[in-house]
Amino acid sequence: MTARVIRALLRPVSRTLPRRALAAGSALGLLLAGTPRLLSSPPDAWLCLSLLRAAALAFGLGLAFLLDDPARHTTAAVPTRRPVRVGLRVALVAPFAVVWWTAALLLVPEQTRPPVGAVTLEAATIAVLALAAAAVAVRCTDVAEPGVAVSAGLPVTVVASALLLPEPWELFVAVGDPRWDGAHERWAGLLVVAALLGACSVAEPRRRIASLAHR
């Protein structure tokens, strides 16, 4: 039954994906990641790492629109549960995200490319944070399209964490810094928290279901 429902939902869900936002975020991200190859002098490792982080943020801004659903107040009453619909959206975008990130990494010159595993952890955390923030917005409000608000708040959060976090909690450190491993332990913890928060927020709010049932 679930497999048949998913197959039936594939086409309509794929039509509602925010293609323009994803394309814009992806294009900007690849442009940022490929900037070192356009420079006349060899870039340093810190610049390449910073540009990859900016590329991950650009892609995260596109992902912030993934849960936008102009028909939310209609689809809340359909038999297919919201977690299934949200999970299908994420599953449709996940392969593209993997290919995109691989391309972004390959655009960075090999001699100045940061450790792939660590920087991929950072990118995954930013992506999951964007999705979790959108899920929380849908869960806690009646807004149908949280993408604009999330895409505005995400860069502010990232910049604030880069500038304001005290040294023991710093996330954005340079390759070779003694705090590198500790920072990525914090990235991993943040990823787990964001994933759990997003998973707990994908269901339609009970008050919304109740209000629809009384109509």
N, C-alpha and C. Protein backbone atom coordinates (compact mmCIF):
# COMPACT_ATOMS: atom_id res chain seq x y z
N MET A 1 0.83 -1.20 0.00
CA MET A 1 0.00 0.00 0.00
C MET A 1 0.87 1.26 0.00
N THR A 2 1.87 1.28 0.90
CA THR A 2 2.73 2.46 0.98
C THR A 2 3.48 2.68 -0.32
N ALA A 3 3.98 1.60 -0.93
CA ALA A 3 4.71 1.72 -2.19
C ALA A 3 3.81 2.28 -3.28
N ARG A 4 2.55 1.83 -3.33
CA ARG A 4 1.63 2.33 -4.35
C ARG A 4 1.34 3.82 -4.12
N VAL A 5 1.19 4.21 -2.87
CA VAL A 5 0.93 5.62 -2.55
C VAL A 5 2.11 6.48 -2.98
N ILE A 6 3.32 6.01 -2.68
CA ILE A 6 4.52 6.77 -3.02
C ILE A 6 4.63 6.92 -4.54
N ARG A 7 4.40 5.83 -5.27
CA ARG A 7 4.46 5.91 -6.73
C ARG A 7 3.42 6.90 -7.26
N ALA A 8 2.23 6.90 -6.66
CA ALA A 8 1.19 7.82 -7.10
C ALA A 8 1.55 9.27 -6.79
N LEU A 9 2.32 9.48 -5.74
CA LEU A 9 2.67 10.84 -5.33
C LEU A 9 3.89 11.39 -6.06
N LEU A 10 4.69 10.52 -6.66
CA LEU A 10 5.96 10.95 -7.23
C LEU A 10 5.79 12.11 -8.20
N ARG A 11 4.91 11.96 -9.16
CA ARG A 11 4.78 12.99 -10.18
C ARG A 11 4.23 14.30 -9.62
N PRO A 12 3.11 14.27 -8.86
CA PRO A 12 2.61 15.56 -8.34
C PRO A 12 3.58 16.25 -7.38
N VAL A 13 4.28 15.46 -6.56
CA VAL A 13 5.24 16.07 -5.63
C VAL A 13 6.42 16.66 -6.39
N SER A 14 6.90 15.95 -7.41
CA SER A 14 8.04 16.46 -8.17
C SER A 14 7.69 17.77 -8.88
N ARG A 15 6.43 17.93 -9.25
CA ARG A 15 6.02 19.17 -9.91
C ARG A 15 6.05 20.36 -8.96
N THR A 16 5.88 20.10 -7.67
CA THR A 16 5.81 21.20 -6.71
C THR A 16 7.17 21.56 -6.11
N LEU A 17 8.23 20.87 -6.51
CA LEU A 17 9.55 21.20 -5.97
C LEU A 17 9.95 22.62 -6.38
N PRO A 18 10.62 23.34 -5.50
CA PRO A 18 11.02 24.73 -5.80
C PRO A 18 12.23 24.77 -6.74
N ARG A 19 12.00 24.46 -8.00
CA ARG A 19 13.10 24.32 -8.95
C ARG A 19 13.91 25.62 -9.11
N ARG A 20 13.22 26.74 -9.15
CA ARG A 20 13.94 28.00 -9.34
C ARG A 20 14.86 28.30 -8.16
N ALA A 21 14.35 28.13 -6.96
CA ALA A 21 15.17 28.39 -5.77
C ALA A 21 16.34 27.42 -5.70
N LEU A 22 16.10 26.15 -5.99
CA LEU A 22 17.17 25.17 -5.97
C LEU A 22 18.20 25.45 -7.06
N ALA A 23 17.71 25.83 -8.24
CA ALA A 23 18.64 26.13 -9.33
C ALA A 23 19.48 27.36 -9.01
N ALA A 24 18.85 28.38 -8.43
CA ALA A 24 19.59 29.59 -8.10
C ALA A 24 20.64 29.32 -7.03
N GLY A 25 20.26 28.60 -5.99
CA GLY A 25 21.21 28.27 -4.93
C GLY A 25 22.34 27.39 -5.44
N SER A 26 22.00 26.44 -6.29
CA SER A 26 23.02 25.55 -6.85
C SER A 26 23.99 26.30 -7.74
N ALA A 27 23.47 27.15 -8.61
CA ALA A 27 24.33 27.90 -9.53
C ALA A 27 25.26 28.84 -8.76
N LEU A 28 24.70 29.54 -7.79
CA LEU A 28 25.54 30.45 -6.99
C LEU A 28 26.60 29.67 -6.23
N GLY A 29 26.21 28.52 -5.68
CA GLY A 29 27.17 27.70 -4.95
C GLY A 29 28.31 27.21 -5.82
N LEU A 30 27.98 26.75 -7.01
CA LEU A 30 29.04 26.27 -7.91
C LEU A 30 29.93 27.42 -8.37
N LEU A 31 29.34 28.58 -8.56
CA LEU A 31 30.14 29.75 -8.93
C LEU A 31 31.13 30.10 -7.82
N LEU A 32 30.66 30.06 -6.59
CA LEU A 32 31.54 30.35 -5.46
C LEU A 32 32.64 29.29 -5.33
N ALA A 33 32.26 28.01 -5.44
CA ALA A 33 33.24 26.94 -5.30
C ALA A 33 34.28 26.99 -6.41
N GLY A 34 33.87 27.42 -7.61
CA GLY A 34 34.80 27.45 -8.73
C GLY A 34 35.61 28.72 -8.85
N THR A 35 35.36 29.69 -7.98
CA THR A 35 36.08 30.97 -8.05
C THR A 35 37.60 30.81 -8.00
N PRO A 36 38.15 29.92 -7.15
CA PRO A 36 39.62 29.79 -7.11
C PRO A 36 40.25 29.48 -8.47
N ARG A 37 39.54 28.76 -9.32
CA ARG A 37 40.09 28.42 -10.63
C ARG A 37 40.10 29.61 -11.58
N LEU A 38 39.36 30.68 -11.22
CA LEU A 38 39.32 31.86 -12.06
C LEU A 38 40.37 32.89 -11.66
N LEU A 39 41.03 32.67 -10.54
CA LEU A 39 42.03 33.62 -10.06
C LEU A 39 43.35 33.47 -10.80
N SER A 40 44.02 34.57 -10.97
CA SER A 40 45.29 34.53 -11.68
C SER A 40 46.41 33.93 -10.84
N SER A 41 46.33 34.09 -9.52
CA SER A 41 47.34 33.52 -8.62
C SER A 41 46.74 32.35 -7.86
N PRO A 42 47.55 31.38 -7.47
CA PRO A 42 47.03 30.22 -6.74
C PRO A 42 46.36 30.65 -5.43
N PRO A 43 45.16 30.17 -5.16
CA PRO A 43 44.47 30.55 -3.93
C PRO A 43 45.05 29.83 -2.73
N ASP A 44 44.83 30.41 -1.54
CA ASP A 44 45.30 29.71 -0.34
C ASP A 44 44.18 28.82 0.20
N ALA A 45 44.55 27.96 1.14
CA ALA A 45 43.61 26.96 1.65
C ALA A 45 42.43 27.62 2.38
N TRP A 46 42.69 28.72 3.10
CA TRP A 46 41.62 29.38 3.84
C TRP A 46 40.57 29.94 2.90
N LEU A 47 40.99 30.53 1.80
CA LEU A 47 40.04 31.07 0.82
C LEU A 47 39.18 29.95 0.25
N CYS A 48 39.79 28.85 -0.12
CA CYS A 48 39.03 27.73 -0.70
C CYS A 48 38.03 27.17 0.31
N LEU A 49 38.45 27.05 1.56
CA LEU A 49 37.55 26.56 2.59
C LEU A 49 36.39 27.53 2.79
N SER A 50 36.67 28.82 2.83
CA SER A 50 35.62 29.82 3.02
C SER A 50 34.64 29.82 1.85
N LEU A 51 35.16 29.66 0.64
CA LEU A 51 34.27 29.64 -0.53
C LEU A 51 33.41 28.38 -0.55
N LEU A 52 33.95 27.26 -0.12
CA LEU A 52 33.14 26.04 -0.03
C LEU A 52 32.05 26.19 1.01
N ARG A 53 32.39 26.82 2.12
CA ARG A 53 31.37 27.07 3.15
C ARG A 53 30.29 28.00 2.62
N ALA A 54 30.69 29.02 1.88
CA ALA A 54 29.70 29.92 1.27
C ALA A 54 28.85 29.19 0.25
N ALA A 55 29.46 28.26 -0.50
CA ALA A 55 28.70 27.47 -1.47
C ALA A 55 27.67 26.60 -0.78
N ALA A 56 28.05 25.98 0.33
CA ALA A 56 27.11 25.16 1.10
C ALA A 56 25.96 26.00 1.62
N LEU A 57 26.26 27.22 2.06
CA LEU A 57 25.21 28.11 2.53
C LEU A 57 24.27 28.50 1.39
N ALA A 58 24.82 28.77 0.20
CA ALA A 58 23.99 29.12 -0.95
C ALA A 58 23.03 27.99 -1.29
N PHE A 59 23.53 26.76 -1.25
CA PHE A 59 22.66 25.62 -1.54
C PHE A 59 21.61 25.47 -0.43
N GLY A 60 22.02 25.73 0.82
CA GLY A 60 21.06 25.67 1.92
C GLY A 60 19.94 26.67 1.76
N LEU A 61 20.25 27.85 1.19
CA LEU A 61 19.20 28.83 0.95
C LEU A 61 18.17 28.31 -0.05
N GLY A 62 18.64 27.56 -1.04
CA GLY A 62 17.69 26.94 -1.97
C GLY A 62 16.85 25.88 -1.29
N LEU A 63 17.48 25.08 -0.42
CA LEU A 63 16.75 24.03 0.29
C LEU A 63 15.71 24.60 1.26
N ALA A 64 15.92 25.83 1.71
CA ALA A 64 14.97 26.44 2.64
C ALA A 64 13.56 26.51 2.05
N PHE A 65 13.45 26.47 0.73
CA PHE A 65 12.15 26.56 0.06
C PHE A 65 11.53 25.19 -0.21
N LEU A 66 12.21 24.11 0.19
CA LEU A 66 11.76 22.78 -0.19
C LEU A 66 10.39 22.42 0.37
N LEU A 67 10.06 22.93 1.54
CA LEU A 67 8.78 22.58 2.16
C LEU A 67 7.68 23.59 1.85
N ASP A 68 7.97 24.57 1.00
CA ASP A 68 6.92 25.50 0.59
C ASP A 68 5.79 24.74 -0.09
N ASP A 69 4.58 24.99 0.35
CA ASP A 69 3.42 24.28 -0.20
C ASP A 69 2.23 25.25 -0.21
N PRO A 70 2.04 25.96 -1.34
CA PRO A 70 0.93 26.92 -1.40
C PRO A 70 -0.43 26.28 -1.10
N ALA A 71 -0.55 24.97 -1.34
CA ALA A 71 -1.82 24.28 -1.10
C ALA A 71 -1.85 23.61 0.26
N ARG A 72 -1.00 24.06 1.19
CA ARG A 72 -0.89 23.38 2.47
C ARG A 72 -2.22 23.23 3.19
N HIS A 73 -3.04 24.27 3.19
CA HIS A 73 -4.28 24.22 3.96
C HIS A 73 -5.32 23.31 3.31
N THR A 74 -5.06 22.90 2.07
CA THR A 74 -5.91 21.91 1.42
C THR A 74 -5.37 20.51 1.62
N THR A 75 -4.05 20.35 1.44
CA THR A 75 -3.44 19.02 1.53
C THR A 75 -3.35 18.52 2.96
N ALA A 76 -3.54 19.39 3.95
CA ALA A 76 -3.50 18.92 5.34
C ALA A 76 -4.59 17.90 5.63
N ALA A 77 -5.66 17.93 4.83
CA ALA A 77 -6.77 17.01 5.08
C ALA A 77 -6.73 15.75 4.21
N VAL A 78 -5.73 15.57 3.38
CA VAL A 78 -5.68 14.39 2.52
C VAL A 78 -5.23 13.19 3.32
N PRO A 79 -5.53 11.95 2.82
CA PRO A 79 -5.21 10.75 3.60
C PRO A 79 -3.70 10.53 3.78
N THR A 80 -2.90 10.94 2.83
CA THR A 80 -1.45 10.73 2.93
C THR A 80 -0.86 11.64 3.99
N ARG A 81 -0.15 11.06 4.93
CA ARG A 81 0.36 11.84 6.05
C ARG A 81 1.47 12.77 5.59
N ARG A 82 1.57 13.90 6.28
CA ARG A 82 2.58 14.90 5.94
C ARG A 82 4.01 14.34 5.98
N PRO A 83 4.38 13.50 6.99
CA PRO A 83 5.74 12.97 6.97
C PRO A 83 6.09 12.22 5.68
N VAL A 84 5.11 11.55 5.09
CA VAL A 84 5.35 10.85 3.83
C VAL A 84 5.60 11.85 2.72
N ARG A 85 4.80 12.90 2.66
CA ARG A 85 4.96 13.90 1.60
C ARG A 85 6.29 14.65 1.75
N VAL A 86 6.62 15.01 3.00
CA VAL A 86 7.89 15.70 3.23
C VAL A 86 9.06 14.78 2.93
N GLY A 87 8.97 13.54 3.38
CA GLY A 87 10.05 12.59 3.12
C GLY A 87 10.27 12.36 1.63
N LEU A 88 9.18 12.37 0.88
CA LEU A 88 9.30 12.19 -0.56
C LEU A 88 9.99 13.39 -1.20
N ARG A 89 9.69 14.58 -0.74
CA ARG A 89 10.37 15.77 -1.27
C ARG A 89 11.87 15.68 -1.00
N VAL A 90 12.22 15.32 0.22
CA VAL A 90 13.64 15.21 0.57
C VAL A 90 14.32 14.12 -0.25
N ALA A 91 13.63 13.00 -0.43
CA ALA A 91 14.22 11.89 -1.18
C ALA A 91 14.44 12.26 -2.65
N LEU A 92 13.55 13.07 -3.21
CA LEU A 92 13.71 13.47 -4.61
C LEU A 92 14.89 14.42 -4.79
N VAL A 93 15.16 15.23 -3.78
CA VAL A 93 16.23 16.22 -3.89
C VAL A 93 17.58 15.66 -3.47
N ALA A 94 17.60 14.65 -2.61
CA ALA A 94 18.85 14.13 -2.05
C ALA A 94 19.87 13.71 -3.11
N PRO A 95 19.49 12.94 -4.15
CA PRO A 95 20.50 12.57 -5.15
C PRO A 95 21.09 13.78 -5.85
N PHE A 96 20.26 14.76 -6.17
CA PHE A 96 20.76 15.99 -6.79
C PHE A 96 21.74 16.70 -5.87
N ALA A 97 21.43 16.73 -4.56
CA ALA A 97 22.32 17.39 -3.60
C ALA A 97 23.68 16.70 -3.55
N VAL A 98 23.68 15.38 -3.59
CA VAL A 98 24.94 14.63 -3.57
C VAL A 98 25.78 14.95 -4.80
N VAL A 99 25.14 14.94 -5.97
CA VAL A 99 25.86 15.25 -7.21
C VAL A 99 26.37 16.68 -7.19
N TRP A 100 25.52 17.58 -6.72
CA TRP A 100 25.93 19.00 -6.67
C TRP A 100 27.14 19.19 -5.76
N TRP A 101 27.12 18.61 -4.58
CA TRP A 101 28.22 18.78 -3.64
C TRP A 101 29.50 18.15 -4.19
N THR A 102 29.38 17.02 -4.85
CA THR A 102 30.55 16.39 -5.46
C THR A 102 31.17 17.32 -6.50
N ALA A 103 30.32 17.95 -7.31
CA ALA A 103 30.81 18.89 -8.31
C ALA A 103 31.48 20.09 -7.65
N ALA A 104 30.88 20.59 -6.57
CA ALA A 104 31.47 21.73 -5.86
C ALA A 104 32.85 21.38 -5.32
N LEU A 105 33.00 20.19 -4.77
CA LEU A 105 34.30 19.77 -4.25
C LEU A 105 35.34 19.66 -5.37
N LEU A 106 34.92 19.12 -6.50
CA LEU A 106 35.85 18.92 -7.60
C LEU A 106 36.26 20.24 -8.25
N LEU A 107 35.44 21.27 -8.08
CA LEU A 107 35.81 22.57 -8.64
C LEU A 107 36.95 23.23 -7.86
N VAL A 108 37.12 22.84 -6.61
CA VAL A 108 38.20 23.41 -5.80
C VAL A 108 39.51 22.72 -6.19
N PRO A 109 40.57 23.49 -6.45
CA PRO A 109 41.86 22.87 -6.81
C PRO A 109 42.29 21.85 -5.78
N GLU A 110 42.76 20.71 -6.25
CA GLU A 110 43.07 19.59 -5.36
C GLU A 110 44.09 19.96 -4.30
N GLN A 111 45.09 20.80 -4.66
CA GLN A 111 46.15 21.11 -3.71
C GLN A 111 45.67 22.00 -2.57
N THR A 112 44.56 22.68 -2.74
CA THR A 112 44.04 23.53 -1.67
C THR A 112 42.65 23.08 -1.20
N ARG A 113 42.24 21.88 -1.59
CA ARG A 113 40.93 21.37 -1.19
C ARG A 113 40.97 20.96 0.28
N PRO A 114 40.03 21.42 1.09
CA PRO A 114 40.02 21.03 2.51
C PRO A 114 39.64 19.57 2.68
N PRO A 115 39.87 19.00 3.87
CA PRO A 115 39.47 17.60 4.11
C PRO A 115 38.01 17.36 3.73
N VAL A 116 37.81 16.42 2.83
CA VAL A 116 36.47 16.24 2.25
C VAL A 116 35.45 15.83 3.30
N GLY A 117 35.80 14.90 4.17
CA GLY A 117 34.84 14.43 5.16
C GLY A 117 34.38 15.53 6.09
N ALA A 118 35.33 16.34 6.57
CA ALA A 118 34.99 17.39 7.53
C ALA A 118 34.13 18.47 6.89
N VAL A 119 34.52 18.92 5.70
CA VAL A 119 33.76 20.00 5.07
C VAL A 119 32.40 19.49 4.58
N THR A 120 32.31 18.20 4.24
CA THR A 120 31.01 17.63 3.89
C THR A 120 30.09 17.58 5.09
N LEU A 121 30.65 17.31 6.26
CA LEU A 121 29.86 17.36 7.50
C LEU A 121 29.29 18.75 7.72
N GLU A 122 30.09 19.77 7.49
CA GLU A 122 29.61 21.14 7.63
C GLU A 122 28.47 21.42 6.65
N ALA A 123 28.66 21.02 5.39
CA ALA A 123 27.63 21.27 4.38
C ALA A 123 26.34 20.53 4.70
N ALA A 124 26.46 19.29 5.15
CA ALA A 124 25.27 18.51 5.51
C ALA A 124 24.53 19.15 6.67
N THR A 125 25.27 19.67 7.63
CA THR A 125 24.63 20.31 8.78
C THR A 125 23.87 21.55 8.36
N ILE A 126 24.46 22.36 7.49
CA ILE A 126 23.77 23.56 7.02
C ILE A 126 22.50 23.18 6.26
N ALA A 127 22.58 22.15 5.43
CA ALA A 127 21.41 21.71 4.68
C ALA A 127 20.30 21.23 5.60
N VAL A 128 20.67 20.42 6.58
CA VAL A 128 19.66 19.89 7.51
C VAL A 128 19.09 21.00 8.38
N LEU A 129 19.92 21.97 8.75
CA LEU A 129 19.43 23.11 9.52
C LEU A 129 18.37 23.88 8.73
N ALA A 130 18.62 24.08 7.43
CA ALA A 130 17.64 24.79 6.60
C ALA A 130 16.32 24.03 6.55
N LEU A 131 16.39 22.72 6.36
CA LEU A 131 15.17 21.92 6.30
C LEU A 131 14.47 21.88 7.65
N ALA A 132 15.25 21.76 8.72
CA ALA A 132 14.65 21.71 10.06
C ALA A 132 13.95 23.02 10.39
N ALA A 133 14.58 24.14 10.03
CA ALA A 133 13.96 25.44 10.30
C ALA A 133 12.65 25.58 9.54
N ALA A 134 12.63 25.11 8.28
CA ALA A 134 11.39 25.16 7.51
C ALA A 134 10.32 24.27 8.14
N ALA A 135 10.73 23.08 8.60
CA ALA A 135 9.77 22.16 9.23
C ALA A 135 9.21 22.75 10.51
N VAL A 136 10.05 23.40 11.30
CA VAL A 136 9.59 24.03 12.53
C VAL A 136 8.60 25.15 12.22
N ALA A 137 8.91 25.94 11.18
CA ALA A 137 8.01 27.03 10.80
C ALA A 137 6.64 26.49 10.39
N VAL A 138 6.63 25.38 9.66
CA VAL A 138 5.36 24.78 9.25
C VAL A 138 4.62 24.21 10.45
N ARG A 139 5.38 23.60 11.35
CA ARG A 139 4.79 22.96 12.53
C ARG A 139 4.17 23.98 13.48
N CYS A 140 4.83 25.10 13.67
CA CYS A 140 4.44 26.05 14.71
C CYS A 140 3.58 27.20 14.21
N THR A 141 3.43 27.33 12.92
CA THR A 141 2.64 28.44 12.37
C THR A 141 1.71 27.91 11.29
N ASP A 142 0.88 28.78 10.77
CA ASP A 142 0.00 28.42 9.65
C ASP A 142 0.58 28.83 8.31
N VAL A 143 1.83 29.28 8.30
CA VAL A 143 2.43 29.75 7.06
C VAL A 143 2.57 28.58 6.08
N ALA A 144 2.25 28.83 4.83
CA ALA A 144 2.33 27.79 3.81
C ALA A 144 3.67 27.78 3.09
N GLU A 145 4.36 28.92 3.09
CA GLU A 145 5.61 29.03 2.36
C GLU A 145 6.68 29.66 3.28
N PRO A 146 7.34 28.85 4.10
CA PRO A 146 8.31 29.38 5.05
C PRO A 146 9.67 29.70 4.43
N GLY A 147 9.84 29.42 3.15
CA GLY A 147 11.16 29.54 2.54
C GLY A 147 11.78 30.92 2.63
N VAL A 148 10.97 31.96 2.43
CA VAL A 148 11.51 33.32 2.44
C VAL A 148 12.07 33.66 3.82
N ALA A 149 11.30 33.36 4.86
CA ALA A 149 11.75 33.67 6.22
C ALA A 149 12.98 32.85 6.60
N VAL A 150 12.97 31.57 6.25
CA VAL A 150 14.11 30.72 6.60
C VAL A 150 15.35 31.15 5.84
N SER A 151 15.20 31.45 4.56
CA SER A 151 16.36 31.87 3.77
C SER A 151 16.92 33.20 4.24
N ALA A 152 16.08 34.02 4.87
CA ALA A 152 16.58 35.28 5.44
C ALA A 152 17.29 35.04 6.76
N GLY A 153 16.78 34.10 7.55
CA GLY A 153 17.36 33.86 8.87
C GLY A 153 18.59 32.99 8.85
N LEU A 154 18.72 32.10 7.86
CA LEU A 154 19.84 31.17 7.84
C LEU A 154 21.19 31.86 7.73
N PRO A 155 21.40 32.77 6.77
CA PRO A 155 22.70 33.43 6.70
C PRO A 155 23.00 34.27 7.94
N VAL A 156 21.96 34.89 8.51
CA VAL A 156 22.17 35.67 9.74
C VAL A 156 22.67 34.75 10.86
N THR A 157 22.07 33.57 10.96
CA THR A 157 22.48 32.62 12.00
C THR A 157 23.91 32.15 11.78
N VAL A 158 24.26 31.85 10.53
CA VAL A 158 25.60 31.37 10.23
C VAL A 158 26.64 32.46 10.51
N VAL A 159 26.38 33.67 10.06
CA VAL A 159 27.33 34.76 10.28
C VAL A 159 27.45 35.06 11.77
N ALA A 160 26.33 35.07 12.48
CA ALA A 160 26.38 35.34 13.92
C ALA A 160 27.17 34.28 14.66
N SER A 161 27.00 33.01 14.27
CA SER A 161 27.76 31.94 14.92
C SER A 161 29.25 32.05 14.61
N ALA A 162 29.58 32.52 13.41
CA ALA A 162 30.98 32.69 13.05
C ALA A 162 31.63 33.82 13.81
N LEU A 163 30.86 34.87 14.12
CA LEU A 163 31.43 36.05 14.74
C LEU A 163 31.29 36.09 16.26
N LEU A 164 30.23 35.48 16.78
CA LEU A 164 29.89 35.69 18.18
C LEU A 164 30.15 34.50 19.10
N LEU A 165 30.29 33.30 18.55
CA LEU A 165 30.53 32.16 19.43
C LEU A 165 31.88 32.29 20.12
N PRO A 166 31.95 32.02 21.42
CA PRO A 166 33.24 32.07 22.11
C PRO A 166 34.18 30.99 21.60
N GLU A 167 35.45 31.18 21.80
CA GLU A 167 36.46 30.29 21.23
C GLU A 167 36.24 28.81 21.56
N PRO A 168 35.85 28.45 22.80
CA PRO A 168 35.65 27.02 23.07
C PRO A 168 34.52 26.39 22.26
N TRP A 169 33.61 27.22 21.71
CA TRP A 169 32.47 26.70 20.97
C TRP A 169 32.54 27.05 19.48
N GLU A 170 33.66 27.55 19.06
CA GLU A 170 33.79 28.01 17.67
C GLU A 170 33.58 26.86 16.68
N LEU A 171 32.88 27.18 15.59
CA LEU A 171 32.58 26.19 14.56
C LEU A 171 33.44 26.38 13.32
N PHE A 172 33.68 27.61 12.94
CA PHE A 172 34.38 27.89 11.69
C PHE A 172 35.87 28.12 11.97
N VAL A 173 36.62 27.05 11.88
CA VAL A 173 38.06 27.12 12.13
C VAL A 173 38.80 26.72 10.86
N ALA A 174 40.08 27.07 10.81
CA ALA A 174 40.89 26.79 9.62
C ALA A 174 41.46 25.38 9.67
N VAL A 175 41.74 24.85 8.48
CA VAL A 175 42.41 23.55 8.39
C VAL A 175 43.79 23.66 9.06
N GLY A 176 44.11 22.70 9.87
CA GLY A 176 45.39 22.72 10.58
C GLY A 176 45.32 23.37 11.94
N ASP A 177 44.21 24.05 12.24
CA ASP A 177 44.02 24.64 13.56
C ASP A 177 43.86 23.52 14.58
N PRO A 178 44.48 23.64 15.76
CA PRO A 178 44.33 22.59 16.78
C PRO A 178 42.87 22.34 17.19
N ARG A 179 42.02 23.32 16.93
CA ARG A 179 40.61 23.17 17.30
C ARG A 179 39.78 22.50 16.21
N TRP A 180 40.41 22.10 15.11
CA TRP A 180 39.68 21.55 13.96
C TRP A 180 38.83 20.34 14.35
N ASP A 181 39.43 19.36 15.00
CA ASP A 181 38.68 18.14 15.35
C ASP A 181 37.56 18.45 16.34
N GLY A 182 37.85 19.28 17.34
CA GLY A 182 36.81 19.63 18.30
C GLY A 182 35.66 20.37 17.65
N ALA A 183 35.97 21.25 16.71
CA ALA A 183 34.92 21.99 16.02
C ALA A 183 34.01 21.04 15.25
N HIS A 184 34.59 20.01 14.66
CA HIS A 184 33.76 19.11 13.86
C HIS A 184 33.01 18.10 14.73
N GLU A 185 33.45 17.90 15.93
CA GLU A 185 32.60 17.17 16.87
C GLU A 185 31.35 17.98 17.19
N ARG A 186 31.54 19.29 17.31
CA ARG A 186 30.37 20.15 17.54
C ARG A 186 29.48 20.20 16.30
N TRP A 187 30.07 20.21 15.10
CA TRP A 187 29.27 20.15 13.88
C TRP A 187 28.43 18.87 13.86
N ALA A 188 29.03 17.75 14.25
CA ALA A 188 28.30 16.48 14.25
C ALA A 188 27.14 16.52 15.25
N GLY A 189 27.38 17.08 16.43
CA GLY A 189 26.31 17.21 17.41
C GLY A 189 25.19 18.10 16.91
N LEU A 190 25.57 19.19 16.25
CA LEU A 190 24.56 20.10 15.70
C LEU A 190 23.74 19.42 14.61
N LEU A 191 24.40 18.59 13.80
CA LEU A 191 23.69 17.85 12.76
C LEU A 191 22.66 16.91 13.37
N VAL A 192 23.03 16.20 14.42
CA VAL A 192 22.10 15.27 15.07
C VAL A 192 20.91 16.02 15.65
N VAL A 193 21.18 17.13 16.34
CA VAL A 193 20.09 17.93 16.93
C VAL A 193 19.16 18.45 15.85
N ALA A 194 19.73 18.99 14.75
CA ALA A 194 18.90 19.52 13.67
C ALA A 194 18.06 18.42 13.03
N ALA A 195 18.66 17.24 12.83
CA ALA A 195 17.92 16.14 12.22
C ALA A 195 16.77 15.69 13.11
N LEU A 196 17.01 15.58 14.41
CA LEU A 196 15.95 15.17 15.34
C LEU A 196 14.85 16.22 15.39
N LEU A 197 15.25 17.50 15.43
CA LEU A 197 14.26 18.57 15.47
C LEU A 197 13.40 18.57 14.20
N GLY A 198 14.06 18.40 13.06
CA GLY A 198 13.30 18.35 11.81
C GLY A 198 12.37 17.16 11.75
N ALA A 199 12.85 15.99 12.20
CA ALA A 199 12.02 14.79 12.17
C ALA A 199 10.80 14.92 13.08
N CYS A 200 10.97 15.61 14.21
CA CYS A 200 9.86 15.79 15.14
C CYS A 200 8.88 16.87 14.68
N SER A 201 9.25 17.63 13.66
CA SER A 201 8.44 18.79 13.26
C SER A 201 7.70 18.59 11.95
N VAL A 202 7.83 17.41 11.33
CA VAL A 202 7.24 17.26 10.00
C VAL A 202 5.75 16.97 10.04
N ALA A 203 5.23 16.56 11.19
CA ALA A 203 3.80 16.25 11.26
C ALA A 203 2.97 17.52 11.25
N GLU A 204 1.76 17.42 10.72
CA GLU A 204 0.85 18.55 10.75
C GLU A 204 0.45 18.84 12.19
N PRO A 205 0.45 20.11 12.63
CA PRO A 205 0.05 20.43 14.00
C PRO A 205 -1.34 19.90 14.32
N ARG A 206 -1.50 19.37 15.52
CA ARG A 206 -2.80 18.80 15.90
C ARG A 206 -3.90 19.84 15.89
N ARG A 207 -3.56 21.08 16.29
CA ARG A 207 -4.60 22.11 16.30
C ARG A 207 -5.10 22.39 14.90
N ARG A 208 -4.18 22.24 13.88
CA ARG A 208 -4.58 22.46 12.50
C ARG A 208 -5.50 21.36 12.03
N ILE A 209 -5.17 20.10 12.39
CA ILE A 209 -6.01 18.97 12.01
C ILE A 209 -7.38 19.09 12.64
N ALA A 210 -7.39 19.49 13.92
CA ALA A 210 -8.66 19.62 14.63
C ALA A 210 -9.53 20.70 14.01
N SER A 211 -8.92 21.81 13.63
CA SER A 211 -9.69 22.90 13.02
C SER A 211 -10.28 22.49 11.69
N LEU A 212 -9.53 21.69 10.91
CA LEU A 212 -10.05 21.21 9.65
C LEU A 212 -11.19 20.23 9.86
N ALA A 213 -11.09 19.41 10.91
CA ALA A 213 -12.11 18.42 11.17
C ALA A 213 -13.45 19.05 11.55
N HIS A 214 -13.40 20.25 12.14
CA HIS A 214 -14.62 20.93 12.56
C HIS A 214 -15.27 21.74 11.46
N ARG A 215 -14.59 21.85 10.31
CA ARG A 215 -15.17 22.65 9.23
C ARG A 215 -16.25 21.88 8.48
